[in-house]
Amino acid sequence: VAGYAVYRMFTTGYSTAAWALLILMH
């Protein structure tokens, strides 16, 4: 799932909320 998320990030973009959630969960 993480690999797919990275793929999607480079193909469709990403949001600030997604990055914030990623950092918080880490």
PDB file of all heavy atoms in Angstrom:
ATOM      1  N   VAL A   1       0.837  -1.201   0.000  1.00  0.00           N
ATOM      2  CA  VAL A   1       0.000   0.000   0.000  1.00  0.00           C
ATOM      3  C   VAL A   1       0.874   1.255   0.000  1.00  0.00           C
ATOM      4  O   VAL A   1       0.595   2.225  -0.722  1.00  0.00           O
ATOM      5  CB  VAL A   1      -0.979  -0.008   1.197  1.00  0.00           C
ATOM      6  CG1 VAL A   1      -1.656   1.341   1.377  1.00  0.00           C
ATOM      7  CG2 VAL A   1      -2.008  -1.111   1.023  1.00  0.00           C
ATOM      8  N   ALA A   2       1.940   1.240   0.778  1.00  0.00           N
ATOM      9  CA  ALA A   2       2.847   2.398   0.815  1.00  0.00           C
ATOM     10  C   ALA A   2       3.493   2.614  -0.549  1.00  0.00           C
ATOM     11  O   ALA A   2       3.623   3.752  -1.012  1.00  0.00           O
ATOM     12  CB  ALA A   2       3.907   2.201   1.891  1.00  0.00           C
ATOM     13  N   GLY A   3       3.912   1.526  -1.187  1.00  0.00           N
ATOM     14  CA  GLY A   3       4.492   1.638  -2.525  1.00  0.00           C
ATOM     15  C   GLY A   3       3.500   2.215  -3.522  1.00  0.00           C
ATOM     16  O   GLY A   3       3.839   3.060  -4.350  1.00  0.00           O
ATOM     17  N   TYR A   4       2.249   1.761  -3.431  1.00  0.00           N
ATOM     18  CA  TYR A   4       1.209   2.283  -4.311  1.00  0.00           C
ATOM     19  C   TYR A   4       0.967   3.774  -4.033  1.00  0.00           C
ATOM     20  O   TYR A   4       0.776   4.558  -4.963  1.00  0.00           O
ATOM     21  CB  TYR A   4      -0.081   1.485  -4.141  1.00  0.00           C
ATOM     22  CG  TYR A   4      -1.208   1.991  -5.000  1.00  0.00           C
ATOM     23  CD1 TYR A   4      -1.175   1.819  -6.378  1.00  0.00           C
ATOM     24  CD2 TYR A   4      -2.288   2.650  -4.441  1.00  0.00           C
ATOM     25  CE1 TYR A   4      -2.199   2.291  -7.183  1.00  0.00           C
ATOM     26  CE2 TYR A   4      -3.323   3.127  -5.229  1.00  0.00           C
ATOM     27  CZ  TYR A   4      -3.270   2.943  -6.604  1.00  0.00           C
ATOM     28  OH  TYR A   4      -4.292   3.419  -7.387  1.00  0.00           O
ATOM     29  N   ALA A   5       0.999   4.151  -2.763  1.00  0.00           N
ATOM     30  CA  ALA A   5       0.795   5.562  -2.408  1.00  0.00           C
ATOM     31  C   ALA A   5       1.900   6.436  -2.986  1.00  0.00           C
ATOM     32  O   ALA A   5       1.628   7.538  -3.486  1.00  0.00           O
ATOM     33  CB  ALA A   5       0.719   5.715  -0.893  1.00  0.00           C
ATOM     34  N   VAL A   6       3.125   5.956  -2.952  1.00  0.00           N
ATOM     35  CA  VAL A   6       4.240   6.726  -3.534  1.00  0.00           C
ATOM     36  C   VAL A   6       4.042   6.839  -5.046  1.00  0.00           C
ATOM     37  O   VAL A   6       4.232   7.919  -5.624  1.00  0.00           O
ATOM     38  CB  VAL A   6       5.598   6.081  -3.188  1.00  0.00           C
ATOM     39  CG1 VAL A   6       6.726   6.696  -3.988  1.00  0.00           C
ATOM     40  CG2 VAL A   6       5.871   6.203  -1.694  1.00  0.00           C
ATOM     41  N   TYR A   7       3.650   5.743  -5.679  1.00  0.00           N
ATOM     42  CA  TYR A   7       3.370   5.773  -7.110  1.00  0.00           C
ATOM     43  C   TYR A   7       2.292   6.817  -7.427  1.00  0.00           C
ATOM     44  O   TYR A   7       2.445   7.626  -8.330  1.00  0.00           O
ATOM     45  CB  TYR A   7       2.928   4.382  -7.588  1.00  0.00           C
ATOM     46  CG  TYR A   7       2.266   4.385  -8.932  1.00  0.00           C
ATOM     47  CD1 TYR A   7       3.021   4.502 -10.096  1.00  0.00           C
ATOM     48  CD2 TYR A   7       0.884   4.291  -9.041  1.00  0.00           C
ATOM     49  CE1 TYR A   7       2.409   4.526 -11.334  1.00  0.00           C
ATOM     50  CE2 TYR A   7       0.264   4.316 -10.277  1.00  0.00           C
ATOM     51  CZ  TYR A   7       1.034   4.425 -11.429  1.00  0.00           C
ATOM     52  OH  TYR A   7       0.421   4.449 -12.646  1.00  0.00           O
ATOM     53  N   ARG A   8       1.196   6.798  -6.649  1.00  0.00           N
ATOM     54  CA  ARG A   8       0.101   7.749  -6.873  1.00  0.00           C
ATOM     55  C   ARG A   8       0.557   9.189  -6.621  1.00  0.00           C
ATOM     56  O   ARG A   8       0.114  10.110  -7.304  1.00  0.00           O
ATOM     57  CB  ARG A   8      -1.087   7.416  -5.965  1.00  0.00           C
ATOM     58  CG  ARG A   8      -1.781   6.118  -6.282  1.00  0.00           C
ATOM     59  CD  ARG A   8      -2.647   6.249  -7.461  1.00  0.00           C
ATOM     60  NE  ARG A   8      -3.668   7.242  -7.165  1.00  0.00           N
ATOM     61  CZ  ARG A   8      -4.720   7.467  -7.897  1.00  0.00           C
ATOM     62  NH1 ARG A   8      -4.918   6.777  -8.976  1.00  0.00           N
ATOM     63  NH2 ARG A   8      -5.593   8.394  -7.580  1.00  0.00           N
ATOM     64  N   MET A   9       1.436   9.362  -5.650  1.00  0.00           N
ATOM     65  CA  MET A   9       1.925  10.701  -5.345  1.00  0.00           C
ATOM     66  C   MET A   9       2.626  11.302  -6.563  1.00  0.00           C
ATOM     67  O   MET A   9       2.444  12.476  -6.874  1.00  0.00           O
ATOM     68  CB  MET A   9       2.879  10.649  -4.160  1.00  0.00           C
ATOM     69  CG  MET A   9       3.458  12.003  -3.765  1.00  0.00           C
ATOM     70  SD  MET A   9       4.650  11.907  -2.444  1.00  0.00           S
ATOM     71  CE  MET A   9       6.089  11.339  -3.313  1.00  0.00           C
ATOM     72  N   PHE A  10       3.405  10.476  -7.267  1.00  0.00           N
ATOM     73  CA  PHE A  10       4.133  10.986  -8.424  1.00  0.00           C
ATOM     74  C   PHE A  10       3.286  11.062  -9.686  1.00  0.00           C
ATOM     75  O   PHE A  10       3.635  11.778 -10.618  1.00  0.00           O
ATOM     76  CB  PHE A  10       5.385  10.138  -8.674  1.00  0.00           C
ATOM     77  CG  PHE A  10       6.469  10.394  -7.669  1.00  0.00           C
ATOM     78  CD1 PHE A  10       6.815   9.428  -6.750  1.00  0.00           C
ATOM     79  CD2 PHE A  10       7.129  11.618  -7.632  1.00  0.00           C
ATOM     80  CE1 PHE A  10       7.809   9.663  -5.825  1.00  0.00           C
ATOM     81  CE2 PHE A  10       8.121  11.859  -6.703  1.00  0.00           C
ATOM     82  CZ  PHE A  10       8.468  10.879  -5.798  1.00  0.00           C
ATOM     83  N   THR A  11       2.185  10.334  -9.729  1.00  0.00           N
ATOM     84  CA  THR A  11       1.360  10.349 -10.939  1.00  0.00           C
ATOM     85  C   THR A  11       0.158  11.278 -10.842  1.00  0.00           C
ATOM     86  O   THR A  11      -0.297  11.785 -11.860  1.00  0.00           O
ATOM     87  CB  THR A  11       0.874   8.931 -11.295  1.00  0.00           C
ATOM     88  OG1 THR A  11       0.126   8.402 -10.204  1.00  0.00           O
ATOM     89  CG2 THR A  11       2.045   8.022 -11.627  1.00  0.00           C
ATOM     90  N   THR A  12      -0.377  11.477  -9.642  1.00  0.00           N
ATOM     91  CA  THR A  12      -1.584  12.314  -9.521  1.00  0.00           C
ATOM     92  C   THR A  12      -1.424  13.459  -8.537  1.00  0.00           C
ATOM     93  O   THR A  12      -2.351  14.239  -8.361  1.00  0.00           O
ATOM     94  CB  THR A  12      -2.797  11.467  -9.082  1.00  0.00           C
ATOM     95  OG1 THR A  12      -2.527  10.910  -7.803  1.00  0.00           O
ATOM     96  CG2 THR A  12      -3.106  10.389 -10.082  1.00  0.00           C
ATOM     97  N   GLY A  13      -0.311  13.558  -7.872  1.00  0.00           N
ATOM     98  CA  GLY A  13      -0.108  14.631  -6.907  1.00  0.00           C
ATOM     99  C   GLY A  13      -0.472  14.189  -5.497  1.00  0.00           C
ATOM    100  O   GLY A  13      -0.867  13.057  -5.256  1.00  0.00           O
ATOM    101  N   TYR A  14      -0.324  15.096  -4.579  1.00  0.00           N
ATOM    102  CA  TYR A  14      -0.576  14.786  -3.168  1.00  0.00           C
ATOM    103  C   TYR A  14      -1.044  16.048  -2.471  1.00  0.00           C
ATOM    104  O   TYR A  14      -0.878  17.152  -2.970  1.00  0.00           O
ATOM    105  CB  TYR A  14       0.673  14.227  -2.495  1.00  0.00           C
ATOM    106  CG  TYR A  14       1.882  15.110  -2.671  1.00  0.00           C
ATOM    107  CD1 TYR A  14       2.147  16.141  -1.785  1.00  0.00           C
ATOM    108  CD2 TYR A  14       2.735  14.930  -3.750  1.00  0.00           C
ATOM    109  CE1 TYR A  14       3.237  16.958  -1.957  1.00  0.00           C
ATOM    110  CE2 TYR A  14       3.839  15.754  -3.932  1.00  0.00           C
ATOM    111  CZ  TYR A  14       4.082  16.767  -3.024  1.00  0.00           C
ATOM    112  OH  TYR A  14       5.162  17.574  -3.200  1.00  0.00           O
ATOM    113  N   SER A  15      -1.615  15.856  -1.281  1.00  0.00           N
ATOM    114  CA  SER A  15      -2.122  16.996  -0.528  1.00  0.00           C
ATOM    115  C   SER A  15      -1.279  17.220   0.716  1.00  0.00           C
ATOM    116  O   SER A  15      -0.604  16.310   1.203  1.00  0.00           O
ATOM    117  CB  SER A  15      -3.574  16.746  -0.125  1.00  0.00           C
ATOM    118  OG  SER A  15      -3.637  15.714   0.838  1.00  0.00           O
ATOM    119  N   THR A  16      -1.370  18.416   1.240  1.00  0.00           N
ATOM    120  CA  THR A  16      -0.683  18.732   2.494  1.00  0.00           C
ATOM    121  C   THR A  16      -1.246  17.883   3.625  1.00  0.00           C
ATOM    122  O   THR A  16      -0.497  17.416   4.491  1.00  0.00           O
ATOM    123  CB  THR A  16      -0.845  20.230   2.817  1.00  0.00           C
ATOM    124  OG1 THR A  16      -0.374  20.986   1.702  1.00  0.00           O
ATOM    125  CG2 THR A  16      -0.074  20.607   4.058  1.00  0.00           C
ATOM    126  N   ALA A  17      -2.552  17.649   3.614  1.00  0.00           N
ATOM    127  CA  ALA A  17      -3.176  16.820   4.660  1.00  0.00           C
ATOM    128  C   ALA A  17      -2.625  15.394   4.630  1.00  0.00           C
ATOM    129  O   ALA A  17      -2.404  14.782   5.670  1.00  0.00           O
ATOM    130  CB  ALA A  17      -4.692  16.802   4.489  1.00  0.00           C
ATOM    131  N   ALA A  18      -2.387  14.858   3.440  1.00  0.00           N
ATOM    132  CA  ALA A  18      -1.834  13.510   3.327  1.00  0.00           C
ATOM    133  C   ALA A  18      -0.430  13.449   3.923  1.00  0.00           C
ATOM    134  O   ALA A  18      -0.083  12.511   4.648  1.00  0.00           O
ATOM    135  CB  ALA A  18      -1.814  13.057   1.872  1.00  0.00           C
ATOM    136  N   TRP A  19       0.389  14.467   3.635  1.00  0.00           N
ATOM    137  CA  TRP A  19       1.736  14.506   4.213  1.00  0.00           C
ATOM    138  C   TRP A  19       1.677  14.652   5.735  1.00  0.00           C
ATOM    139  O   TRP A  19       2.440  14.009   6.450  1.00  0.00           O
ATOM    140  CB  TRP A  19       2.546  15.656   3.607  1.00  0.00           C
ATOM    141  CG  TRP A  19       3.202  15.278   2.324  1.00  0.00           C
ATOM    142  CD1 TRP A  19       2.847  15.682   1.076  1.00  0.00           C
ATOM    143  CD2 TRP A  19       4.308  14.394   2.167  1.00  0.00           C
ATOM    144  NE1 TRP A  19       3.674  15.101   0.148  1.00  0.00           N
ATOM    145  CE2 TRP A  19       4.588  14.315   0.791  1.00  0.00           C
ATOM    146  CE3 TRP A  19       5.093  13.664   3.039  1.00  0.00           C
ATOM    147  CZ2 TRP A  19       5.606  13.534   0.268  1.00  0.00           C
ATOM    148  CZ3 TRP A  19       6.114  12.879   2.523  1.00  0.00           C
ATOM    149  CH2 TRP A  19       6.355  12.814   1.155  1.00  0.00           C
ATOM    150  N   ALA A  20       0.769  15.501   6.213  1.00  0.00           N
ATOM    151  CA  ALA A  20       0.633  15.695   7.659  1.00  0.00           C
ATOM    152  C   ALA A  20       0.222  14.389   8.341  1.00  0.00           C
ATOM    153  O   ALA A  20       0.765  14.031   9.395  1.00  0.00           O
ATOM    154  CB  ALA A  20      -0.379  16.799   7.953  1.00  0.00           C
ATOM    155  N   LEU A  21      -0.718  13.662   7.735  1.00  0.00           N
ATOM    156  CA  LEU A  21      -1.147  12.379   8.294  1.00  0.00           C
ATOM    157  C   LEU A  21      -0.013  11.363   8.272  1.00  0.00           C
ATOM    158  O   LEU A  21       0.190  10.625   9.244  1.00  0.00           O
ATOM    159  CB  LEU A  21      -2.355  11.840   7.518  1.00  0.00           C
ATOM    160  CG  LEU A  21      -2.949  10.543   8.036  1.00  0.00           C
ATOM    161  CD1 LEU A  21      -3.453  10.711   9.468  1.00  0.00           C
ATOM    162  CD2 LEU A  21      -4.080  10.093   7.119  1.00  0.00           C
ATOM    163  N   LEU A  22       0.750  11.326   7.193  1.00  0.00           N
ATOM    164  CA  LEU A  22       1.898  10.421   7.096  1.00  0.00           C
ATOM    165  C   LEU A  22       2.902  10.699   8.215  1.00  0.00           C
ATOM    166  O   LEU A  22       3.353   9.781   8.902  1.00  0.00           O
ATOM    167  CB  LEU A  22       2.567  10.581   5.733  1.00  0.00           C
ATOM    168  CG  LEU A  22       3.902   9.855   5.568  1.00  0.00           C
ATOM    169  CD1 LEU A  22       3.665   8.376   5.361  1.00  0.00           C
ATOM    170  CD2 LEU A  22       4.682  10.453   4.424  1.00  0.00           C
ATOM    171  N   ILE A  23       3.239  11.963   8.408  1.00  0.00           N
ATOM    172  CA  ILE A  23       4.216  12.335   9.443  1.00  0.00           C
ATOM    173  C   ILE A  23       3.667  12.035  10.830  1.00  0.00           C
ATOM    174  O   ILE A  23       4.377  11.475  11.686  1.00  0.00           O
ATOM    175  CB  ILE A  23       4.614  13.821   9.286  1.00  0.00           C
ATOM    176  CG1 ILE A  23       5.410  13.995   7.989  1.00  0.00           C
ATOM    177  CG2 ILE A  23       5.401  14.310  10.489  1.00  0.00           C
ATOM    178  CD1 ILE A  23       5.601  15.440   7.553  1.00  0.00           C
ATOM    179  N   LEU A  24       2.403  12.341  11.084  1.00  0.00           N
ATOM    180  CA  LEU A  24       1.791  12.073  12.386  1.00  0.00           C
ATOM    181  C   LEU A  24       1.786  10.566  12.689  1.00  0.00           C
ATOM    182  O   LEU A  24       2.163  10.151  13.788  1.00  0.00           O
ATOM    183  CB  LEU A  24       0.364  12.619  12.437  1.00  0.00           C
ATOM    184  CG  LEU A  24      -0.410  12.300  13.718  1.00  0.00           C
ATOM    185  CD1 LEU A  24       0.234  13.002  14.911  1.00  0.00           C
ATOM    186  CD2 LEU A  24      -1.867  12.691  13.561  1.00  0.00           C
ATOM    187  N   MET A  25       1.388   9.748  11.722  1.00  0.00           N
ATOM    188  CA  MET A  25       1.351   8.300  11.940  1.00  0.00           C
ATOM    189  C   MET A  25       2.755   7.750  12.186  1.00  0.00           C
ATOM    190  O   MET A  25       2.947   6.871  13.023  1.00  0.00           O
ATOM    191  CB  MET A  25       0.705   7.585  10.753  1.00  0.00           C
ATOM    192  CG  MET A  25      -0.794   7.797  10.669  1.00  0.00           C
ATOM    193  SD  MET A  25      -1.673   7.279  12.167  1.00  0.00           S
ATOM    194  CE  MET A  25      -1.351   5.545  12.160  1.00  0.00           C
ATOM    195  N   HIS A  26       3.734   8.271  11.470  1.00  0.00           N
ATOM    196  CA  HIS A  26       5.111   7.820  11.682  1.00  0.00           C
ATOM    197  C   HIS A  26       5.568   8.155  13.102  1.00  0.00           C
ATOM    198  O   HIS A  26       6.167   7.320  13.781  1.00  0.00           O
ATOM    199  CB  HIS A  26       6.050   8.454  10.659  1.00  0.00           C
ATOM    200  CG  HIS A  26       7.481   8.107  10.888  1.00  0.00           C
ATOM    201  ND1 HIS A  26       7.980   6.846  10.671  1.00  0.00           N
ATOM    202  CD2 HIS A  26       8.499   8.856  11.372  1.00  0.00           C
ATOM    203  CE1 HIS A  26       9.266   6.831  10.993  1.00  0.00           C
ATOM    204  NE2 HIS A  26       9.603   8.040  11.423  1.00  0.00           N
TER     205      HIS A  26
END
